[in-house]
Amino acid sequence: MKTQKMTFHHVGIPVNEKLHGGVYNEALKMSAQGYFDTPYAVEWMQFDDDNDLPEIIKTQPHVAYVVDDLLAALKGREIILQPNSPCDGVKTAFIKDGANLIELMQFDKPEQQVWPHPNKFLLECK
């Protein structure tokens, strides 16, 4: 089995409360907030009642990593959500590893072109 590098991307935390000021994705039937707001890569997620994603994704926090080859990273894993594309330029899938819910992501072009966020992981010190 070939190994590949995983790079931390974000922590996703589902919530039941309505998110105000978040980004709504009609195709995914969910709102997300926080990832672009701070340098800490925490994403709060609120799902519509009729969202058909697996229940574990809607109720359990996850950690997301970027990989170079999504299909290779999924081999032999317990797949919760098959590879899909939430928007142009990125593919994602969810796996379960023990009790952990993990999102694996592969960018087909530079992430800054998919989701511009120039201050991610840069902490301004005063």
C-alpha atoms as a PDB file:
ATOM      1  CA  MET A   1       0.000   0.000   0.000  1.00  0.00           C
ATOM      2  CA  LYS A   2       1.386   3.386  -1.021  1.00  0.00           C
ATOM      3  CA  THR A   3       1.451   6.085   1.643  1.00  0.00           C
ATOM      4  CA  GLN A   4       0.627   9.705   1.014  1.00  0.00           C
ATOM      5  CA  LYS A   5       0.797  12.897   2.960  1.00  0.00           C
ATOM      6  CA  MET A   6      -2.301  14.226   4.732  1.00  0.00           C
ATOM      7  CA  THR A   7      -2.500  17.939   5.496  1.00  0.00           C
ATOM      8  CA  PHE A   8      -4.908  19.289   8.112  1.00  0.00           C
ATOM      9  CA  HIS A   9      -7.702  21.374   6.589  1.00  0.00           C
ATOM     10  CA  HIS A  10     -10.487  21.994   9.128  1.00  0.00           C
ATOM     11  CA  VAL A  11     -12.644  20.730  11.981  1.00  0.00           C
ATOM     12  CA  GLY A  12     -16.362  20.495  11.182  1.00  0.00           C
ATOM     13  CA  ILE A  13     -18.897  20.790  14.008  1.00  0.00           C
ATOM     14  CA  PRO A  14     -22.603  20.171  13.369  1.00  0.00           C
ATOM     15  CA  VAL A  15     -25.101  22.342  15.252  1.00  0.00           C
ATOM     16  CA  ASN A  16     -28.882  22.353  15.511  1.00  0.00           C
ATOM     17  CA  GLU A  17     -29.256  26.117  15.887  1.00  0.00           C
ATOM     18  CA  LYS A  18     -29.797  28.282  12.809  1.00  0.00           C
ATOM     19  CA  LEU A  19     -26.522  29.869  11.673  1.00  0.00           C
ATOM     20  CA  HIS A  20     -26.738  33.584  10.999  1.00  0.00           C
ATOM     21  CA  GLY A  21     -24.298  35.050   8.524  1.00  0.00           C
ATOM     22  CA  GLY A  22     -23.129  31.684   7.244  1.00  0.00           C
ATOM     23  CA  VAL A  23     -22.815  30.513   3.655  1.00  0.00           C
ATOM     24  CA  TYR A  24     -25.790  28.480   2.429  1.00  0.00           C
ATOM     25  CA  ASN A  25     -25.258  25.689  -0.106  1.00  0.00           C
ATOM     26  CA  GLU A  26     -28.614  24.867  -1.698  1.00  0.00           C
ATOM     27  CA  ALA A  27     -27.339  21.700  -3.401  1.00  0.00           C
ATOM     28  CA  LEU A  28     -26.035  20.310  -0.090  1.00  0.00           C
ATOM     29  CA  LYS A  29     -28.974  21.685   1.920  1.00  0.00           C
ATOM     30  CA  MET A  30     -26.711  23.086   4.598  1.00  0.00           C
ATOM     31  CA  SER A  31     -25.223  26.290   5.992  1.00  0.00           C
ATOM     32  CA  ALA A  32     -21.618  26.653   7.065  1.00  0.00           C
ATOM     33  CA  GLN A  33     -19.955  29.381   9.082  1.00  0.00           C
ATOM     34  CA  GLY A  34     -16.596  30.085  10.634  1.00  0.00           C
ATOM     35  CA  TYR A  35     -14.055  28.592   8.262  1.00  0.00           C
ATOM     36  CA  PHE A  36     -13.416  31.915   6.533  1.00  0.00           C
ATOM     37  CA  ASP A  37     -13.966  34.036   9.645  1.00  0.00           C
ATOM     38  CA  THR A  38     -10.890  33.141  11.698  1.00  0.00           C
ATOM     39  CA  PRO A  39      -7.465  31.612  11.070  1.00  0.00           C
ATOM     40  CA  TYR A  40      -8.297  28.511  13.161  1.00  0.00           C
ATOM     41  CA  ALA A  41     -10.138  26.427  10.522  1.00  0.00           C
ATOM     42  CA  VAL A  42     -13.243  25.623  12.572  1.00  0.00           C
ATOM     43  CA  GLU A  43     -16.408  25.192  10.509  1.00  0.00           C
ATOM     44  CA  TRP A  44     -19.862  25.192  12.093  1.00  0.00           C
ATOM     45  CA  MET A  45     -22.467  23.340  10.032  1.00  0.00           C
ATOM     46  CA  GLN A  46     -26.262  23.439  10.185  1.00  0.00           C
ATOM     47  CA  PHE A  47     -28.214  20.991   8.022  1.00  0.00           C
ATOM     48  CA  ASP A  48     -31.709  21.444   6.604  1.00  0.00           C
ATOM     49  CA  ASP A  49     -34.337  19.053   7.968  1.00  0.00           C
ATOM     50  CA  ASP A  50     -34.636  17.345   4.569  1.00  0.00           C
ATOM     51  CA  ASN A  51     -30.862  16.911   4.116  1.00  0.00           C
ATOM     52  CA  ASP A  52     -30.148  13.347   3.024  1.00  0.00           C
ATOM     53  CA  LEU A  53     -26.504  13.051   4.088  1.00  0.00           C
ATOM     54  CA  PRO A  54     -25.712  10.160   6.452  1.00  0.00           C
ATOM     55  CA  GLU A  55     -26.850  10.912  10.004  1.00  0.00           C
ATOM     56  CA  ILE A  56     -23.324  10.624  11.419  1.00  0.00           C
ATOM     57  CA  ILE A  57     -22.161  13.544   9.233  1.00  0.00           C
ATOM     58  CA  LYS A  58     -25.050  15.672  10.515  1.00  0.00           C
ATOM     59  CA  THR A  59     -24.454  14.833  14.182  1.00  0.00           C
ATOM     60  CA  GLN A  60     -20.770  14.042  14.819  1.00  0.00           C
ATOM     61  CA  PRO A  61     -17.828  16.460  14.526  1.00  0.00           C
ATOM     62  CA  HIS A  62     -15.166  15.575  11.972  1.00  0.00           C
ATOM     63  CA  VAL A  63     -11.583  16.439  11.106  1.00  0.00           C
ATOM     64  CA  ALA A  64     -10.750  17.106   7.440  1.00  0.00           C
ATOM     65  CA  TYR A  65      -7.466  16.453   5.686  1.00  0.00           C
ATOM     66  CA  VAL A  66      -6.265  17.214   2.163  1.00  0.00           C
ATOM     67  CA  VAL A  67      -4.748  14.283   0.274  1.00  0.00           C
ATOM     68  CA  ASP A  68      -3.113  14.108  -3.149  1.00  0.00           C
ATOM     69  CA  ASP A  69      -5.067  11.056  -4.329  1.00  0.00           C
ATOM     70  CA  LEU A  70      -8.542  10.701  -2.822  1.00  0.00           C
ATOM     71  CA  LEU A  71      -9.320   7.321  -4.373  1.00  0.00           C
ATOM     72  CA  ALA A  72      -6.056   5.827  -3.140  1.00  0.00           C
ATOM     73  CA  ALA A  73      -6.662   7.246   0.355  1.00  0.00           C
ATOM     74  CA  LEU A  74     -10.071   5.534   0.467  1.00  0.00           C
ATOM     75  CA  LYS A  75      -8.798   2.033  -0.316  1.00  0.00           C
ATOM     76  CA  GLY A  76      -9.507  -0.335   2.564  1.00  0.00           C
ATOM     77  CA  ARG A  77     -11.349   2.345   4.589  1.00  0.00           C
ATOM     78  CA  GLU A  78     -14.886   2.315   5.978  1.00  0.00           C
ATOM     79  CA  ILE A  79     -16.508   4.794   3.589  1.00  0.00           C
ATOM     80  CA  ILE A  80     -19.432   6.758   5.012  1.00  0.00           C
ATOM     81  CA  LEU A  81     -19.924   9.076   2.022  1.00  0.00           C
ATOM     82  CA  GLN A  82     -18.589   8.199  -1.423  1.00  0.00           C
ATOM     83  CA  PRO A  83     -16.466  10.759  -3.300  1.00  0.00           C
ATOM     84  CA  ASN A  84     -18.459  13.775  -4.438  1.00  0.00           C
ATOM     85  CA  SER A  85     -17.814  17.345  -5.470  1.00  0.00           C
ATOM     86  CA  PRO A  86     -19.416  20.033  -3.285  1.00  0.00           C
ATOM     87  CA  CYS A  87     -18.110  22.640  -5.744  1.00  0.00           C
ATOM     88  CA  ASP A  88     -15.861  22.940  -8.774  1.00  0.00           C
ATOM     89  CA  GLY A  89     -12.226  22.123  -8.048  1.00  0.00           C
ATOM     90  CA  VAL A  90     -12.567  19.887  -4.993  1.00  0.00           C
ATOM     91  CA  LYS A  91     -13.630  16.303  -4.291  1.00  0.00           C
ATOM     92  CA  THR A  92     -14.464  15.032  -0.816  1.00  0.00           C
ATOM     93  CA  ALA A  93     -15.407  11.785   0.897  1.00  0.00           C
ATOM     94  CA  PHE A  94     -16.073  10.786   4.495  1.00  0.00           C
ATOM     95  CA  ILE A  95     -14.673   7.744   6.266  1.00  0.00           C
ATOM     96  CA  LYS A  96     -14.975   6.328   9.742  1.00  0.00           C
ATOM     97  CA  ASP A  97     -11.819   5.245  11.533  1.00  0.00           C
ATOM     98  CA  GLY A  98     -12.741   3.692  14.860  1.00  0.00           C
ATOM     99  CA  ALA A  99     -14.966   6.300  16.509  1.00  0.00           C
ATOM    100  CA  ASN A 100     -13.495   9.106  14.387  1.00  0.00           C
ATOM    101  CA  LEU A 101     -15.308  10.715  11.469  1.00  0.00           C
ATOM    102  CA  ILE A 102     -12.787  11.930   8.888  1.00  0.00           C
ATOM    103  CA  GLU A 103     -13.305  13.990   5.745  1.00  0.00           C
ATOM    104  CA  LEU A 104     -10.715  13.493   3.010  1.00  0.00           C
ATOM    105  CA  MET A 105     -10.384  16.197   0.362  1.00  0.00           C
ATOM    106  CA  GLN A 106      -8.571  16.448  -2.961  1.00  0.00           C
ATOM    107  CA  PHE A 107      -8.172  19.783  -4.732  1.00  0.00           C
ATOM    108  CA  ASP A 108      -7.979  19.712  -8.523  1.00  0.00           C
ATOM    109  CA  LYS A 109      -6.697  23.282  -8.624  1.00  0.00           C
ATOM    110  CA  PRO A 110      -5.152  25.539  -5.970  1.00  0.00           C
ATOM    111  CA  GLU A 111      -7.474  25.930  -2.993  1.00  0.00           C
ATOM    112  CA  GLN A 112      -7.179  29.724  -3.206  1.00  0.00           C
ATOM    113  CA  GLN A 113      -8.983  29.486  -6.556  1.00  0.00           C
ATOM    114  CA  VAL A 114     -11.738  27.299  -5.074  1.00  0.00           C
ATOM    115  CA  TRP A 115     -12.233  29.133  -1.750  1.00  0.00           C
ATOM    116  CA  PRO A 116     -10.182  32.343  -1.525  1.00  0.00           C
ATOM    117  CA  HIS A 117      -9.169  32.919   2.099  1.00  0.00           C
ATOM    118  CA  PRO A 118      -5.801  34.686   2.240  1.00  0.00           C
ATOM    119  CA  ASN A 119      -5.584  34.853   6.046  1.00  0.00           C
ATOM    120  CA  LYS A 120      -6.217  31.184   6.853  1.00  0.00           C
ATOM    121  CA  PHE A 121      -3.663  29.900   9.364  1.00  0.00           C
ATOM    122  CA  LEU A 122      -2.136  33.387   9.758  1.00  0.00           C
ATOM    123  CA  LEU A 123      -2.510  34.780  13.251  1.00  0.00           C
ATOM    124  CA  GLU A 124      -2.127  38.522  13.553  1.00  0.00           C
ATOM    125  CA  CYS A 125      -0.284  39.400  16.761  1.00  0.00           C
ATOM    126  CA  LYS A 126      -0.625  42.861  18.205  1.00  0.00           C
END
